[in-house]
PDB file of N, CA and C in Angstrom:
ATOM      1  N   MET A   1      -3.598 -22.400  -4.981  1.00  0.00           N
ATOM      2  CA  MET A   1      -3.965 -21.411  -4.011  1.00  0.00           C
ATOM      3  C   MET A   1      -3.498 -19.972  -4.565  1.00  0.00           C
ATOM      4  N   SER A   2      -4.329 -19.039  -4.426  1.00  0.00           N
ATOM      5  CA  SER A   2      -4.026 -17.582  -4.805  1.00  0.00           C
ATOM      6  C   SER A   2      -3.957 -16.833  -3.607  1.00  0.00           C
ATOM      7  N   ASN A   3      -3.087 -15.740  -3.556  1.00  0.00           N
ATOM      8  CA  ASN A   3      -2.866 -14.858  -2.561  1.00  0.00           C
ATOM      9  C   ASN A   3      -3.465 -13.504  -3.101  1.00  0.00           C
ATOM     10  N   LYS A   4      -3.704 -12.608  -2.244  1.00  0.00           N
ATOM     11  CA  LYS A   4      -4.160 -11.229  -2.644  1.00  0.00           C
ATOM     12  C   LYS A   4      -2.978 -10.241  -2.472  1.00  0.00           C
ATOM     13  N   TYR A   5      -2.604  -9.527  -3.468  1.00  0.00           N
ATOM     14  CA  TYR A   5      -1.561  -8.591  -3.597  1.00  0.00           C
ATOM     15  C   TYR A   5      -2.270  -7.228  -3.825  1.00  0.00           C
ATOM     16  N   TYR A   6      -2.059  -6.266  -3.003  1.00  0.00           N
ATOM     17  CA  TYR A   6      -2.691  -4.954  -3.068  1.00  0.00           C
ATOM     18  C   TYR A   6      -1.708  -3.978  -3.645  1.00  0.00           C
ATOM     19  N   PHE A   7      -2.130  -2.920  -4.372  1.00  0.00           N
ATOM     20  CA  PHE A   7      -1.159  -1.919  -4.817  1.00  0.00           C
ATOM     21  C   PHE A   7      -2.079  -0.695  -5.031  1.00  0.00           C
ATOM     22  N   GLU A   8      -1.355   0.387  -5.020  1.00  0.00           N
ATOM     23  CA  GLU A   8      -2.037   1.747  -5.223  1.00  0.00           C
ATOM     24  C   GLU A   8      -1.216   2.501  -6.107  1.00  0.00           C
ATOM     25  N   ILE A   9      -1.894   3.463  -6.864  1.00  0.00           N
ATOM     26  CA  ILE A   9      -1.344   4.432  -7.689  1.00  0.00           C
ATOM     27  C   ILE A   9      -1.972   5.798  -7.212  1.00  0.00           C
ATOM     28  N   PRO A  10      -1.263   6.425  -6.245  1.00  0.00           N
ATOM     29  CA  PRO A  10      -1.865   7.653  -5.573  1.00  0.00           C
ATOM     30  C   PRO A  10      -2.196   8.749  -6.610  1.00  0.00           C
ATOM     31  N   GLU A  11      -1.362   8.955  -7.624  1.00  0.00           N
ATOM     32  CA  GLU A  11      -1.663  10.060  -8.640  1.00  0.00           C
ATOM     33  C   GLU A  11      -2.928   9.750  -9.399  1.00  0.00           C
ATOM     34  N   ALA A  12      -3.333   8.537  -9.486  1.00  0.00           N
ATOM     35  CA  ALA A  12      -4.489   8.108 -10.373  1.00  0.00           C
ATOM     36  C   ALA A  12      -5.648   7.819  -9.477  1.00  0.00           C
ATOM     37  N   ASN A  13      -5.515   7.914  -8.115  1.00  0.00           N
ATOM     38  CA  ASN A  13      -6.567   7.491  -7.157  1.00  0.00           C
ATOM     39  C   ASN A  13      -7.044   6.046  -7.345  1.00  0.00           C
ATOM     40  N   VAL A  14      -6.049   5.181  -7.443  1.00  0.00           N
ATOM     41  CA  VAL A  14      -6.269   3.767  -7.774  1.00  0.00           C
ATOM     42  C   VAL A  14      -5.864   3.034  -6.523  1.00  0.00           C
ATOM     43  N   LEU A  15      -6.707   2.023  -6.133  1.00  0.00           N
ATOM     44  CA  LEU A  15      -6.405   0.984  -5.130  1.00  0.00           C
ATOM     45  C   LEU A  15      -6.911  -0.276  -5.731  1.00  0.00           C
ATOM     46  N   GLU A  16      -6.005  -1.222  -6.016  1.00  0.00           N
ATOM     47  CA  GLU A  16      -6.317  -2.432  -6.616  1.00  0.00           C
ATOM     48  C   GLU A  16      -5.918  -3.634  -5.869  1.00  0.00           C
ATOM     49  N   VAL A  17      -6.517  -4.797  -6.043  1.00  0.00           N
ATOM     50  CA  VAL A  17      -6.194  -6.104  -5.526  1.00  0.00           C
ATOM     51  C   VAL A  17      -6.048  -7.013  -6.725  1.00  0.00           C
ATOM     52  N   VAL A  18      -4.903  -7.798  -6.608  1.00  0.00           N
ATOM     53  CA  VAL A  18      -4.633  -8.826  -7.703  1.00  0.00           C
ATOM     54  C   VAL A  18      -4.572 -10.133  -6.976  1.00  0.00           C
ATOM     55  N   ARG A  19      -5.260 -11.093  -7.570  1.00  0.00           N
ATOM     56  CA  ARG A  19      -5.195 -12.517  -6.977  1.00  0.00           C
ATOM     57  C   ARG A  19      -4.209 -13.285  -7.857  1.00  0.00           C
ATOM     58  N   ALA A  20      -3.158 -13.867  -7.226  1.00  0.00           N
ATOM     59  CA  ALA A  20      -2.141 -14.577  -7.974  1.00  0.00           C
ATOM     60  C   ALA A  20      -1.420 -15.576  -7.057  1.00  0.00           C
ATOM     61  N   ALA A  21      -0.736 -16.481  -7.682  1.00  0.00           N
ATOM     62  CA  ALA A  21       0.013 -17.485  -6.907  1.00  0.00           C
ATOM     63  C   ALA A  21       1.314 -17.004  -6.382  1.00  0.00           C
ATOM     64  N   SER A  22       1.805 -15.892  -6.890  1.00  0.00           N
ATOM     65  CA  SER A  22       3.033 -15.453  -6.437  1.00  0.00           C
ATOM     66  C   SER A  22       3.236 -13.927  -6.699  1.00  0.00           C
ATOM     67  N   PHE A  23       4.097 -13.261  -6.055  1.00  0.00           N
ATOM     68  CA  PHE A  23       4.293 -11.739  -6.339  1.00  0.00           C
ATOM     69  C   PHE A  23       4.644 -11.501  -7.703  1.00  0.00           C
ATOM     70  N   THR A  24       5.457 -12.409  -8.263  1.00  0.00           N
ATOM     71  CA  THR A  24       5.892 -12.274  -9.786  1.00  0.00           C
ATOM     72  C   THR A  24       4.598 -12.293 -10.604  1.00  0.00           C
ATOM     73  N   GLU A  25       3.766 -13.229 -10.378  1.00  0.00           N
ATOM     74  CA  GLU A  25       2.588 -13.337 -11.220  1.00  0.00           C
ATOM     75  C   GLU A  25       1.647 -12.128 -11.053  1.00  0.00           C
ATOM     76  N   ALA A  26       1.563 -11.688  -9.716  1.00  0.00           N
ATOM     77  CA  ALA A  26       0.758 -10.403  -9.461  1.00  0.00           C
ATOM     78  C   ALA A  26       1.281  -9.208 -10.361  1.00  0.00           C
ATOM     79  N   LYS A  27       2.590  -9.057 -10.351  1.00  0.00           N
ATOM     80  CA  LYS A  27       3.149  -8.023 -11.171  1.00  0.00           C
ATOM     81  C   LYS A  27       2.849  -8.112 -12.631  1.00  0.00           C
ATOM     82  N   GLN A  28       2.924  -9.332 -13.077  1.00  0.00           N
ATOM     83  CA  GLN A  28       2.504  -9.470 -14.580  1.00  0.00           C
ATOM     84  C   GLN A  28       1.081  -9.192 -14.834  1.00  0.00           C
ATOM     85  N   ILE A  29       0.063  -9.563 -13.886  1.00  0.00           N
ATOM     86  CA  ILE A  29      -1.292  -9.298 -13.958  1.00  0.00           C
ATOM     87  C   ILE A  29      -1.490  -7.777 -13.940  1.00  0.00           C
ATOM     88  N   ALA A  30      -0.818  -7.149 -12.983  1.00  0.00           N
ATOM     89  CA  ALA A  30      -0.988  -5.676 -12.913  1.00  0.00           C
ATOM     90  C   ALA A  30      -0.498  -4.920 -14.094  1.00  0.00           C
ATOM     91  N   ALA A  31       0.571  -5.429 -14.560  1.00  0.00           N
ATOM     92  CA  ALA A  31       1.311  -4.638 -15.768  1.00  0.00           C
ATOM     93  C   ALA A  31       0.310  -4.808 -16.975  1.00  0.00           C
ATOM     94  N   ALA A  32      -0.431  -5.782 -17.120  1.00  0.00           N
ATOM     95  CA  ALA A  32      -1.372  -5.913 -18.328  1.00  0.00           C
ATOM     96  C   ALA A  32      -2.331  -4.805 -18.362  1.00  0.00           C
ATOM     97  N   ASP A  33      -2.892  -4.208 -17.195  1.00  0.00           N
ATOM     98  CA  ASP A  33      -3.663  -3.118 -17.258  1.00  0.00           C
ATOM     99  C   ASP A  33      -3.213  -1.864 -16.857  1.00  0.00           C
ATOM    100  N   TRP A  34      -2.038  -1.741 -16.138  1.00  0.00           N
ATOM    101  CA  TRP A  34      -1.467  -0.582 -15.606  1.00  0.00           C
ATOM    102  C   TRP A  34       0.010  -0.222 -15.990  1.00  0.00           C
ATOM    103  N   LEU A  35       0.347  -0.862 -17.044  1.00  0.00           N
ATOM    104  CA  LEU A  35       1.735  -0.546 -17.490  1.00  0.00           C
ATOM    105  C   LEU A  35       2.112   0.902 -17.637  1.00  0.00           C
ATOM    106  N   PRO A  36       1.251   1.742 -18.253  1.00  0.00           N
ATOM    107  CA  PRO A  36       1.604   3.184 -18.323  1.00  0.00           C
ATOM    108  C   PRO A  36       1.807   3.880 -17.071  1.00  0.00           C
ATOM    109  N   TYR A  37       1.353   3.299 -15.862  1.00  0.00           N
ATOM    110  CA  TYR A  37       1.595   3.823 -14.606  1.00  0.00           C
ATOM    111  C   TYR A  37       2.550   3.051 -13.743  1.00  0.00           C
ATOM    112  N   TRP A  38       3.341   2.171 -14.394  1.00  0.00           N
ATOM    113  CA  TRP A  38       4.179   1.188 -13.705  1.00  0.00           C
ATOM    114  C   TRP A  38       5.065   1.847 -12.711  1.00  0.00           C
ATOM    115  N   SER A  39       5.673   2.939 -12.987  1.00  0.00           N
ATOM    116  CA  SER A  39       6.669   3.716 -12.123  1.00  0.00           C
ATOM    117  C   SER A  39       6.009   4.327 -11.049  1.00  0.00           C
ATOM    118  N   LYS A  40       4.685   4.318 -11.000  1.00  0.00           N
ATOM    119  CA  LYS A  40       3.898   4.993  -9.951  1.00  0.00           C
ATOM    120  C   LYS A  40       3.374   3.917  -8.884  1.00  0.00           C
ATOM    121  N   ILE A  41       3.279   2.658  -9.227  1.00  0.00           N
ATOM    122  CA  ILE A  41       2.782   1.612  -8.447  1.00  0.00           C
ATOM    123  C   ILE A  41       3.479   1.529  -7.165  1.00  0.00           C
ATOM    124  N   GLN A  42       2.602   1.387  -6.089  1.00  0.00           N
ATOM    125  CA  GLN A  42       3.254   1.111  -4.755  1.00  0.00           C
ATOM    126  C   GLN A  42       2.556  -0.110  -4.198  1.00  0.00           C
ATOM    127  N   TRP A  43       3.298  -1.158  -4.102  1.00  0.00           N
ATOM    128  CA  TRP A  43       2.794  -2.433  -3.524  1.00  0.00           C
ATOM    129  C   TRP A  43       2.680  -2.355  -2.049  1.00  0.00           C
ATOM    130  N   LEU A  44       1.442  -2.648  -1.556  1.00  0.00           N
ATOM    131  CA  LEU A  44       1.143  -2.456  -0.200  1.00  0.00           C
ATOM    132  C   LEU A  44       1.268  -3.585   0.822  1.00  0.00           C
ATOM    133  N   ASN A  45       1.316  -4.867   0.342  1.00  0.00           N
ATOM    134  CA  ASN A  45       1.398  -5.817   1.287  1.00  0.00           C
ATOM    135  C   ASN A  45       2.396  -7.001   0.957  1.00  0.00           C
ATOM    136  N   HIS A  46       3.412  -6.723   0.112  1.00  0.00           N
ATOM    137  CA  HIS A  46       4.381  -7.756  -0.095  1.00  0.00           C
ATOM    138  C   HIS A  46       5.408  -7.739   1.055  1.00  0.00           C
ATOM    139  N   PRO A  47       5.695  -8.958   1.581  1.00  0.00           N
ATOM    140  CA  PRO A  47       6.600  -9.130   2.652  1.00  0.00           C
ATOM    141  C   PRO A  47       8.013  -8.536   2.535  1.00  0.00           C
ATOM    142  N   GLN A  48       8.471  -8.426   1.224  1.00  0.00           N
ATOM    143  CA  GLN A  48       9.719  -7.825   1.031  1.00  0.00           C
ATOM    144  C   GLN A  48       9.763  -6.349   1.253  1.00  0.00           C
ATOM    145  N   ILE A  49       8.573  -5.726   1.060  1.00  0.00           N
ATOM    146  CA  ILE A  49       8.441  -4.308   1.289  1.00  0.00           C
ATOM    147  C   ILE A  49       8.235  -3.888   2.638  1.00  0.00           C
ATOM    148  N   SER A  50       7.332  -4.468   3.371  1.00  0.00           N
ATOM    149  CA  SER A  50       7.145  -4.206   4.751  1.00  0.00           C
ATOM    150  C   SER A  50       6.028  -5.139   5.341  1.00  0.00           C
ATOM    151  N   LYS A  51       6.371  -5.742   6.338  1.00  0.00           N
ATOM    152  CA  LYS A  51       5.261  -6.670   7.098  1.00  0.00           C
ATOM    153  C   LYS A  51       4.201  -5.694   7.679  1.00  0.00           C
ATOM    154  N   LYS A  52       4.541  -4.499   8.030  1.00  0.00           N
ATOM    155  CA  LYS A  52       3.620  -3.578   8.583  1.00  0.00           C
ATOM    156  C   LYS A  52       2.562  -3.000   7.593  1.00  0.00           C
ATOM    157  N   ALA A  53       2.922  -3.111   6.378  1.00  0.00           N
ATOM    158  CA  ALA A  53       2.065  -2.614   5.342  1.00  0.00           C
ATOM    159  C   ALA A  53       0.963  -3.504   4.842  1.00  0.00           C
ATOM    160  N   THR A  54       0.889  -4.767   5.494  1.00  0.00           N
ATOM    161  CA  THR A  54      -0.085  -5.730   5.202  1.00  0.00           C
ATOM    162  C   THR A  54      -1.397  -5.208   5.400  1.00  0.00           C
ATOM    163  N   LEU A  55      -2.369  -5.283   4.535  1.00  0.00           N
ATOM    164  CA  LEU A  55      -3.702  -4.852   4.728  1.00  0.00           C
ATOM    165  C   LEU A  55      -4.610  -6.074   5.195  1.00  0.00           C
ATOM    166  N   PRO A  56      -5.543  -5.800   6.044  1.00  0.00           N
ATOM    167  CA  PRO A  56      -6.408  -6.983   6.348  1.00  0.00           C
ATOM    168  C   PRO A  56      -7.393  -7.312   5.304  1.00  0.00           C
ATOM    169  N   THR A  57      -7.906  -8.523   5.155  1.00  0.00           N
ATOM    170  CA  THR A  57      -8.797  -8.798   4.134  1.00  0.00           C
ATOM    171  C   THR A  57     -10.084  -8.082   4.367  1.00  0.00           C
ATOM    172  N   SER A  58     -10.685  -7.631   3.312  1.00  0.00           N
ATOM    173  CA  SER A  58     -11.858  -6.795   3.393  1.00  0.00           C
ATOM    174  C   SER A  58     -12.897  -7.052   2.304  1.00  0.00           C
ATOM    175  N   THR A  59     -14.063  -6.808   2.483  1.00  0.00           N
ATOM    176  CA  THR A  59     -15.017  -7.012   1.525  1.00  0.00           C
ATOM    177  C   THR A  59     -15.190  -5.685   0.679  1.00  0.00           C
ATOM    178  N   ALA A  60     -14.572  -4.623   1.122  1.00  0.00           N
ATOM    179  CA  ALA A  60     -14.650  -3.389   0.413  1.00  0.00           C
ATOM    180  C   ALA A  60     -13.888  -3.595  -0.945  1.00  0.00           C
ATOM    181  N   THR A  61     -14.398  -2.887  -1.958  1.00  0.00           N
ATOM    182  CA  THR A  61     -13.746  -2.853  -3.277  1.00  0.00           C
ATOM    183  C   THR A  61     -12.919  -1.613  -3.549  1.00  0.00           C
ATOM    184  N   ALA A  62     -12.160  -1.534  -4.453  1.00  0.00           N
ATOM    185  CA  ALA A  62     -11.499  -0.310  -4.901  1.00  0.00           C
ATOM    186  C   ALA A  62     -12.567   0.837  -5.249  1.00  0.00           C
ATOM    187  N   ALA A  63     -13.642   0.450  -5.853  1.00  0.00           N
ATOM    188  CA  ALA A  63     -14.587   1.492  -6.133  1.00  0.00           C
ATOM    189  C   ALA A  63     -15.154   1.990  -4.870  1.00  0.00           C
ATOM    190  N   ASP A  64     -15.421   1.230  -3.848  1.00  0.00           N
ATOM    191  CA  ASP A  64     -15.810   1.670  -2.552  1.00  0.00           C
ATOM    192  C   ASP A  64     -14.822   2.834  -2.032  1.00  0.00           C
ATOM    193  N   GLY A  65     -13.506   2.471  -2.128  1.00  0.00           N
ATOM    194  CA  GLY A  65     -12.498   3.472  -1.647  1.00  0.00           C
ATOM    195  C   GLY A  65     -12.541   4.795  -2.438  1.00  0.00           C
ATOM    196  N   LEU A  66     -12.674   4.685  -3.777  1.00  0.00           N
ATOM    197  CA  LEU A  66     -12.718   5.843  -4.660  1.00  0.00           C
ATOM    198  C   LEU A  66     -13.958   6.729  -4.291  1.00  0.00           C
ATOM    199  N   ARG A  67     -15.076   6.017  -4.036  1.00  0.00           N
ATOM    200  CA  ARG A  67     -16.243   6.811  -3.626  1.00  0.00           C
ATOM    201  C   ARG A  67     -16.070   7.531  -2.342  1.00  0.00           C
ATOM    202  N   SER A  68     -15.416   6.902  -1.411  1.00  0.00           N
ATOM    203  CA  SER A  68     -15.079   7.450  -0.153  1.00  0.00           C
ATOM    204  C   SER A  68     -14.194   8.666  -0.194  1.00  0.00           C
ATOM    205  N   LEU A  69     -13.239   8.440  -1.076  1.00  0.00           N
ATOM    206  CA  LEU A  69     -12.215   9.582  -1.346  1.00  0.00           C
ATOM    207  C   LEU A  69     -12.908  10.799  -2.005  1.00  0.00           C
ATOM    208  N   ASN A  70     -13.697  10.534  -2.897  1.00  0.00           N
ATOM    209  CA  ASN A  70     -14.418  11.616  -3.669  1.00  0.00           C
ATOM    210  C   ASN A  70     -15.441  12.324  -2.865  1.00  0.00           C
ATOM    211  N   ALA A  71     -16.044  11.513  -1.896  1.00  0.00           N
ATOM    212  CA  ALA A  71     -17.050  12.231  -0.983  1.00  0.00           C
ATOM    213  C   ALA A  71     -16.316  13.141  -0.051  1.00  0.00           C
ATOM    214  N   GLN A  72     -15.003  12.985   0.255  1.00  0.00           N
ATOM    215  CA  GLN A  72     -14.233  13.822   1.163  1.00  0.00           C
ATOM    216  C   GLN A  72     -13.828  15.135   0.526  1.00  0.00           C
ATOM    217  N   MET A  73     -13.898  15.149  -0.792  1.00  0.00           N
ATOM    218  CA  MET A  73     -13.423  16.263  -1.519  1.00  0.00           C
ATOM    219  C   MET A  73     -14.519  17.340  -1.590  1.00  0.00           C
TER     220      MET A  73
END
């Protein structure tokens, strides 16, 4: 079973979701693509960070979010 782990990189206008069996695995997957931004990653739904930060499941993609942000500019 895989869980969804969400993270953002505000400076790069990135909102991503990683499917993984554990938070450790999610970090490994994220690092494969986003290692240059590792110090900027903010995990949004890990229980050790904050239960209040949990995002609801959505069919929206990161690209949808970026289009929305760009439309507001």
